[in-house]
Amino acid sequence: MTRTTGSRGEKTLKALRDAGIKRLFEQGFAGMTLRELAGDVGIQAGSLYNYFANKQDFLFQILTYVMRELIREMEKKLEPANNPREALLAYVECHVYFHSSRKKEILISGTELRSLTPANYKAVVSMRYDYENRFREILEWGNKEKYWTVVDPEVATKIILGMMTSVGTWYKPEERYQISDLVKIYQDMVENILYNEVSSENMNPAMVS
């Protein structure tokens, strides 16, 4: 596939991603066409092939872009964390903020997985697993350092991430909560879930200092 380089090409690619996310959110993969997408950004349909090999490649690029953005934000938030609690709070902040502020991307990332080819599906799911696995590693780190006791970090990861991901389905910015309020609420909830399993004799003094 030919790729357009340079600032103009990057600007067009961003416009195509933004328009594509909107189309996927409003029409779904089956309901949209690449010709419509080209019209949204004011280019000829044939020019799309400078960016996408075909409609399947377009979807794959959109979904991998969303996952790369999420992983990039997560890694940026985790970088300054010096202990399991700081890492936990940073991860929760990233997850809740991303899922609250980028609801269209999150919705299509879930609903349009089924539209991928098996190979593309496997690649995107692998990225999702890498992202989720980072949370499990934080839980295991906390176990090791005796910040909390999680009997099954793998199951706890699925439960907690499921709870946090749901914010993207019900949060509306015009309602009484700001995203920053939701982040604090979710941080407190996740900490309560984990710390309630810790017995006082095993508690790390750093947790209560």
C-alpha atoms as a PDB file:
ATOM      1  CA  MET A   1       0.000   0.000   0.000  1.00  0.00           C
ATOM      2  CA  THR A   2       1.254   3.467  -0.877  1.00  0.00           C
ATOM      3  CA  ARG A   3       1.528   5.820   2.071  1.00  0.00           C
ATOM      4  CA  THR A   4       1.458   9.580   1.828  1.00  0.00           C
ATOM      5  CA  THR A   5       4.197  11.308   3.813  1.00  0.00           C
ATOM      6  CA  GLY A   6       4.745  14.863   4.949  1.00  0.00           C
ATOM      7  CA  SER A   7       2.684  17.285   6.998  1.00  0.00           C
ATOM      8  CA  ARG A   8      -0.099  17.506   4.409  1.00  0.00           C
ATOM      9  CA  GLY A   9      -0.431  13.743   4.291  1.00  0.00           C
ATOM     10  CA  GLU A  10      -0.523  13.504   8.091  1.00  0.00           C
ATOM     11  CA  LYS A  11      -3.168  16.219   8.228  1.00  0.00           C
ATOM     12  CA  THR A  12      -5.322  14.342   5.724  1.00  0.00           C
ATOM     13  CA  LEU A  13      -4.829  11.066   7.590  1.00  0.00           C
ATOM     14  CA  LYS A  14      -5.988  12.686  10.823  1.00  0.00           C
ATOM     15  CA  ALA A  15      -9.027  14.120   9.048  1.00  0.00           C
ATOM     16  CA  LEU A  16      -9.817  10.667   7.650  1.00  0.00           C
ATOM     17  CA  ARG A  17      -9.506   9.091  11.098  1.00  0.00           C
ATOM     18  CA  ASP A  18     -11.779  11.697  12.669  1.00  0.00           C
ATOM     19  CA  ALA A  19     -14.360  11.364   9.901  1.00  0.00           C
ATOM     20  CA  GLY A  20     -14.056   7.577   9.952  1.00  0.00           C
ATOM     21  CA  ILE A  21     -14.683   7.391  13.688  1.00  0.00           C
ATOM     22  CA  LYS A  22     -17.786   9.552  13.237  1.00  0.00           C
ATOM     23  CA  ARG A  23     -19.049   7.376  10.360  1.00  0.00           C
ATOM     24  CA  LEU A  24     -18.414   4.153  12.273  1.00  0.00           C
ATOM     25  CA  PHE A  25     -20.173   5.542  15.343  1.00  0.00           C
ATOM     26  CA  GLU A  26     -23.228   6.731  13.411  1.00  0.00           C
ATOM     27  CA  GLN A  27     -23.538   4.105  10.665  1.00  0.00           C
ATOM     28  CA  GLY A  28     -21.404   1.137  11.636  1.00  0.00           C
ATOM     29  CA  PHE A  29     -18.851  -0.561   9.425  1.00  0.00           C
ATOM     30  CA  ALA A  30     -21.429  -2.284   7.209  1.00  0.00           C
ATOM     31  CA  GLY A  31     -23.404   0.912   6.657  1.00  0.00           C
ATOM     32  CA  MET A  32     -20.609   3.237   5.568  1.00  0.00           C
ATOM     33  CA  THR A  33     -18.639   3.456   2.331  1.00  0.00           C
ATOM     34  CA  LEU A  34     -15.143   4.691   1.568  1.00  0.00           C
ATOM     35  CA  ARG A  35     -16.608   7.006  -1.058  1.00  0.00           C
ATOM     36  CA  GLU A  36     -18.618   8.732   1.670  1.00  0.00           C
ATOM     37  CA  LEU A  37     -15.481   8.973   3.793  1.00  0.00           C
ATOM     38  CA  ALA A  38     -13.557  10.594   0.957  1.00  0.00           C
ATOM     39  CA  GLY A  39     -16.362  13.108   0.509  1.00  0.00           C
ATOM     40  CA  ASP A  40     -16.240  13.986   4.209  1.00  0.00           C
ATOM     41  CA  VAL A  41     -12.678  15.255   3.900  1.00  0.00           C
ATOM     42  CA  GLY A  42     -12.930  16.637   0.361  1.00  0.00           C
ATOM     43  CA  ILE A  43     -10.665  14.233  -1.534  1.00  0.00           C
ATOM     44  CA  GLN A  44     -11.203  11.921  -4.484  1.00  0.00           C
ATOM     45  CA  ALA A  45     -12.178   8.363  -3.608  1.00  0.00           C
ATOM     46  CA  GLY A  46      -9.110   7.031  -5.387  1.00  0.00           C
ATOM     47  CA  SER A  47      -6.869   9.093  -3.099  1.00  0.00           C
ATOM     48  CA  LEU A  48      -7.970   6.978  -0.143  1.00  0.00           C
ATOM     49  CA  TYR A  49      -5.687   4.211  -1.334  1.00  0.00           C
ATOM     50  CA  ASN A  50      -2.723   6.374  -0.375  1.00  0.00           C
ATOM     51  CA  TYR A  51      -3.853   5.736   3.204  1.00  0.00           C
ATOM     52  CA  PHE A  52      -5.865   2.495   3.273  1.00  0.00           C
ATOM     53  CA  ALA A  53      -5.548  -0.618   1.130  1.00  0.00           C
ATOM     54  CA  ASN A  54      -9.296  -1.264   1.352  1.00  0.00           C
ATOM     55  CA  LYS A  55     -12.255  -0.876   3.691  1.00  0.00           C
ATOM     56  CA  GLN A  56     -11.020  -3.664   5.989  1.00  0.00           C
ATOM     57  CA  ASP A  57      -7.618  -1.994   6.271  1.00  0.00           C
ATOM     58  CA  PHE A  58      -9.381   1.272   7.118  1.00  0.00           C
ATOM     59  CA  LEU A  59     -11.208  -0.372  10.033  1.00  0.00           C
ATOM     60  CA  PHE A  60      -8.091  -2.142  11.213  1.00  0.00           C
ATOM     61  CA  GLN A  61      -6.110   1.103  11.208  1.00  0.00           C
ATOM     62  CA  ILE A  62      -8.835   2.899  13.157  1.00  0.00           C
ATOM     63  CA  LEU A  63      -9.063   0.227  15.857  1.00  0.00           C
ATOM     64  CA  THR A  64      -5.305  -0.127  16.226  1.00  0.00           C
ATOM     65  CA  TYR A  65      -4.997   3.664  16.395  1.00  0.00           C
ATOM     66  CA  VAL A  66      -7.451   3.786  19.304  1.00  0.00           C
ATOM     67  CA  MET A  67      -5.553   1.053  21.149  1.00  0.00           C
ATOM     68  CA  ARG A  68      -2.194   2.739  20.538  1.00  0.00           C
ATOM     69  CA  GLU A  69      -3.577   5.987  21.917  1.00  0.00           C
ATOM     70  CA  LEU A  70      -4.919   4.240  25.019  1.00  0.00           C
ATOM     71  CA  ILE A  71      -1.663   2.386  25.624  1.00  0.00           C
ATOM     72  CA  ARG A  72       0.377   5.547  25.047  1.00  0.00           C
ATOM     73  CA  GLU A  73      -1.700   7.452  27.598  1.00  0.00           C
ATOM     74  CA  MET A  74      -1.433   4.593  30.078  1.00  0.00           C
ATOM     75  CA  GLU A  75       2.342   4.357  29.776  1.00  0.00           C
ATOM     76  CA  LYS A  76       2.682   8.125  30.138  1.00  0.00           C
ATOM     77  CA  LYS A  77       0.618   8.081  33.340  1.00  0.00           C
ATOM     78  CA  LEU A  78       2.509   5.118  34.803  1.00  0.00           C
ATOM     79  CA  GLU A  79       5.988   6.428  34.091  1.00  0.00           C
ATOM     80  CA  PRO A  80       6.390   8.493  37.308  1.00  0.00           C
ATOM     81  CA  ALA A  81       4.815   5.846  39.588  1.00  0.00           C
ATOM     82  CA  ASN A  82       7.208   4.735  42.336  1.00  0.00           C
ATOM     83  CA  ASN A  83       5.042   2.158  44.090  1.00  0.00           C
ATOM     84  CA  PRO A  84       1.999  -0.054  43.444  1.00  0.00           C
ATOM     85  CA  ARG A  85      -0.511   2.445  44.838  1.00  0.00           C
ATOM     86  CA  GLU A  86       0.746   5.267  42.630  1.00  0.00           C
ATOM     87  CA  ALA A  87       0.645   2.939  39.622  1.00  0.00           C
ATOM     88  CA  LEU A  88      -2.872   1.806  40.503  1.00  0.00           C
ATOM     89  CA  LEU A  89      -4.209   5.353  40.793  1.00  0.00           C
ATOM     90  CA  ALA A  90      -2.468   6.406  37.582  1.00  0.00           C
ATOM     91  CA  TYR A  91      -3.907   3.484  35.631  1.00  0.00           C
ATOM     92  CA  VAL A  92      -7.420   4.131  36.952  1.00  0.00           C
ATOM     93  CA  GLU A  93      -7.117   7.822  36.058  1.00  0.00           C
ATOM     94  CA  CYS A  94      -6.043   6.988  32.521  1.00  0.00           C
ATOM     95  CA  HIS A  95      -8.741   4.374  31.979  1.00  0.00           C
ATOM     96  CA  VAL A  96     -11.649   6.413  33.342  1.00  0.00           C
ATOM     97  CA  TYR A  97     -10.567   9.622  31.618  1.00  0.00           C
ATOM     98  CA  PHE A  98     -10.043   7.942  28.233  1.00  0.00           C
ATOM     99  CA  HIS A  99     -13.325   6.020  28.345  1.00  0.00           C
ATOM    100  CA  SER A 100     -15.275   9.106  29.463  1.00  0.00           C
ATOM    101  CA  SER A 101     -13.793  11.590  27.013  1.00  0.00           C
ATOM    102  CA  ARG A 102     -13.487   9.385  23.917  1.00  0.00           C
ATOM    103  CA  LYS A 103     -16.780   7.532  23.962  1.00  0.00           C
ATOM    104  CA  LYS A 104     -17.118   7.182  20.178  1.00  0.00           C
ATOM    105  CA  GLU A 105     -13.735   5.503  19.863  1.00  0.00           C
ATOM    106  CA  ILE A 106     -14.455   3.165  22.761  1.00  0.00           C
ATOM    107  CA  LEU A 107     -17.870   2.179  21.416  1.00  0.00           C
ATOM    108  CA  ILE A 108     -16.629   1.294  17.948  1.00  0.00           C
ATOM    109  CA  SER A 109     -13.630  -0.524  19.441  1.00  0.00           C
ATOM    110  CA  GLY A 110     -16.095  -2.910  21.053  1.00  0.00           C
ATOM    111  CA  THR A 111     -18.853  -3.204  18.472  1.00  0.00           C
ATOM    112  CA  GLU A 112     -16.703  -3.389  15.342  1.00  0.00           C
ATOM    113  CA  LEU A 113     -14.274  -6.082  16.473  1.00  0.00           C
ATOM    114  CA  ARG A 114     -16.663  -8.549  14.862  1.00  0.00           C
ATOM    115  CA  SER A 115     -16.135  -6.868  11.478  1.00  0.00           C
ATOM    116  CA  LEU A 116     -12.397  -7.587  11.394  1.00  0.00           C
ATOM    117  CA  THR A 117     -10.838 -10.474   9.519  1.00  0.00           C
ATOM    118  CA  PRO A 118      -9.527 -13.248  11.802  1.00  0.00           C
ATOM    119  CA  ALA A 119      -5.923 -12.059  11.489  1.00  0.00           C
ATOM    120  CA  ASN A 120      -6.810  -8.430  12.175  1.00  0.00           C
ATOM    121  CA  TYR A 121      -9.090  -9.449  15.029  1.00  0.00           C
ATOM    122  CA  LYS A 122      -6.243 -11.402  16.617  1.00  0.00           C
ATOM    123  CA  ALA A 123      -3.884  -8.426  16.322  1.00  0.00           C
ATOM    124  CA  VAL A 124      -6.293  -5.975  17.962  1.00  0.00           C
ATOM    125  CA  VAL A 125      -7.232  -8.395  20.738  1.00  0.00           C
ATOM    126  CA  SER A 126      -3.524  -8.921  21.413  1.00  0.00           C
ATOM    127  CA  MET A 127      -3.138  -5.180  21.960  1.00  0.00           C
ATOM    128  CA  ARG A 128      -6.114  -5.194  24.311  1.00  0.00           C
ATOM    129  CA  TYR A 129      -4.592  -8.072  26.234  1.00  0.00           C
ATOM    130  CA  ASP A 130      -1.285  -6.208  26.586  1.00  0.00           C
ATOM    131  CA  TYR A 131      -3.145  -3.211  27.987  1.00  0.00           C
ATOM    132  CA  GLU A 132      -5.161  -5.306  30.450  1.00  0.00           C
ATOM    133  CA  ASN A 133      -2.107  -7.319  31.411  1.00  0.00           C
ATOM    134  CA  ARG A 134      -0.435  -4.145  32.654  1.00  0.00           C
ATOM    135  CA  PHE A 135      -3.188  -3.749  35.258  1.00  0.00           C
ATOM    136  CA  ARG A 136      -2.745  -7.360  36.361  1.00  0.00           C
ATOM    137  CA  GLU A 137       0.969  -6.705  36.783  1.00  0.00           C
ATOM    138  CA  ILE A 138       0.161  -3.756  39.058  1.00  0.00           C
ATOM    139  CA  LEU A 139      -2.062  -5.976  41.209  1.00  0.00           C
ATOM    140  CA  GLU A 140       0.686  -8.584  41.432  1.00  0.00           C
ATOM    141  CA  TRP A 141       3.213  -5.880  42.306  1.00  0.00           C
ATOM    142  CA  GLY A 142       0.950  -4.743  45.143  1.00  0.00           C
ATOM    143  CA  ASN A 143       0.636  -8.321  46.372  1.00  0.00           C
ATOM    144  CA  LYS A 144       4.401  -8.714  46.412  1.00  0.00           C
ATOM    145  CA  GLU A 145       4.944  -5.456  48.289  1.00  0.00           C
ATOM    146  CA  LYS A 146       2.027  -6.225  50.661  1.00  0.00           C
ATOM    147  CA  TYR A 147       0.002  -3.172  49.703  1.00  0.00           C
ATOM    148  CA  TRP A 148      -3.039  -5.409  49.276  1.00  0.00           C
ATOM    149  CA  THR A 149      -3.945  -9.061  48.923  1.00  0.00           C
ATOM    150  CA  VAL A 150      -5.637 -10.101  45.704  1.00  0.00           C
ATOM    151  CA  VAL A 151      -6.242 -13.835  45.593  1.00  0.00           C
ATOM    152  CA  ASP A 152      -6.663 -14.028  41.813  1.00  0.00           C
ATOM    153  CA  PRO A 153      -5.194 -10.975  40.021  1.00  0.00           C
ATOM    154  CA  GLU A 154      -6.367 -12.227  36.623  1.00  0.00           C
ATOM    155  CA  VAL A 155     -10.025 -12.397  37.648  1.00  0.00           C
ATOM    156  CA  ALA A 156      -9.753  -9.170  39.643  1.00  0.00           C
ATOM    157  CA  THR A 157      -8.372  -7.437  36.557  1.00  0.00           C
ATOM    158  CA  LYS A 158     -11.391  -8.434  34.473  1.00  0.00           C
ATOM    159  CA  ILE A 159     -13.851  -7.408  37.196  1.00  0.00           C
ATOM    160  CA  ILE A 160     -12.282  -4.023  37.912  1.00  0.00           C
ATOM    161  CA  LEU A 161     -11.659  -3.106  34.282  1.00  0.00           C
ATOM    162  CA  GLY A 162     -15.231  -4.082  33.437  1.00  0.00           C
ATOM    163  CA  MET A 163     -16.501  -1.800  36.189  1.00  0.00           C
ATOM    164  CA  MET A 164     -14.359   1.099  34.981  1.00  0.00           C
ATOM    165  CA  THR A 165     -15.062   0.593  31.273  1.00  0.00           C
ATOM    166  CA  SER A 166     -18.810   0.939  31.858  1.00  0.00           C
ATOM    167  CA  VAL A 167     -18.355   4.663  32.534  1.00  0.00           C
ATOM    168  CA  GLY A 168     -18.179   5.171  28.788  1.00  0.00           C
ATOM    169  CA  THR A 169     -21.755   3.927  28.350  1.00  0.00           C
ATOM    170  CA  TRP A 170     -23.499   6.176  30.860  1.00  0.00           C
ATOM    171  CA  TYR A 171     -21.384   9.274  31.451  1.00  0.00           C
ATOM    172  CA  LYS A 172     -22.710  12.497  29.921  1.00  0.00           C
ATOM    173  CA  PRO A 173     -20.583  15.650  30.248  1.00  0.00           C
ATOM    174  CA  GLU A 174     -23.658  17.841  30.706  1.00  0.00           C
ATOM    175  CA  GLU A 175     -24.574  16.058  33.940  1.00  0.00           C
ATOM    176  CA  ARG A 176     -23.380  17.012  37.421  1.00  0.00           C
ATOM    177  CA  TYR A 177     -20.079  15.101  37.406  1.00  0.00           C
ATOM    178  CA  GLN A 178     -16.937  16.340  35.747  1.00  0.00           C
ATOM    179  CA  ILE A 179     -14.518  13.688  34.489  1.00  0.00           C
ATOM    180  CA  SER A 180     -12.097  14.649  37.255  1.00  0.00           C
ATOM    181  CA  ASP A 181     -14.848  13.868  39.805  1.00  0.00           C
ATOM    182  CA  LEU A 182     -15.414  10.456  38.239  1.00  0.00           C
ATOM    183  CA  VAL A 183     -11.705   9.675  38.301  1.00  0.00           C
ATOM    184  CA  LYS A 184     -11.574  10.318  42.055  1.00  0.00           C
ATOM    185  CA  ILE A 185     -14.711   8.255  42.670  1.00  0.00           C
ATOM    186  CA  TYR A 186     -13.341   5.307  40.726  1.00  0.00           C
ATOM    187  CA  GLN A 187      -9.934   5.585  42.379  1.00  0.00           C
ATOM    188  CA  ASP A 188     -11.569   5.451  45.802  1.00  0.00           C
ATOM    189  CA  MET A 189     -13.786   2.524  44.803  1.00  0.00           C
ATOM    190  CA  VAL A 190     -10.902   0.467  43.414  1.00  0.00           C
ATOM    191  CA  GLU A 191      -8.759   1.169  46.469  1.00  0.00           C
ATOM    192  CA  ASN A 192     -11.604   0.131  48.755  1.00  0.00           C
ATOM    193  CA  ILE A 193     -12.017  -3.120  46.849  1.00  0.00           C
ATOM    194  CA  LEU A 194      -8.323  -3.958  47.165  1.00  0.00           C
ATOM    195  CA  TYR A 195      -7.556  -2.694  50.655  1.00  0.00           C
ATOM    196  CA  ASN A 196     -10.566  -4.362  52.242  1.00  0.00           C
ATOM    197  CA  GLU A 197      -8.857  -7.677  51.503  1.00  0.00           C
ATOM    198  CA  VAL A 198      -5.725  -6.699  53.429  1.00  0.00           C
ATOM    199  CA  SER A 199      -5.346  -7.839  57.006  1.00  0.00           C
ATOM    200  CA  SER A 200      -3.768  -5.371  59.418  1.00  0.00           C
ATOM    201  CA  GLU A 201      -0.863  -7.626  60.311  1.00  0.00           C
ATOM    202  CA  ASN A 202       0.208  -7.817  56.671  1.00  0.00           C
ATOM    203  CA  MET A 203      -0.289  -4.149  55.835  1.00  0.00           C
ATOM    204  CA  ASN A 204       2.704  -2.246  54.507  1.00  0.00           C
ATOM    205  CA  PRO A 205       3.384   0.753  56.788  1.00  0.00           C
ATOM    206  CA  ALA A 206       3.792   2.936  53.693  1.00  0.00           C
ATOM    207  CA  MET A 207       0.068   2.522  53.015  1.00  0.00           C
ATOM    208  CA  VAL A 208      -1.028   4.171  56.253  1.00  0.00           C
ATOM    209  CA  SER A 209       1.738   6.693  56.773  1.00  0.00           C
END
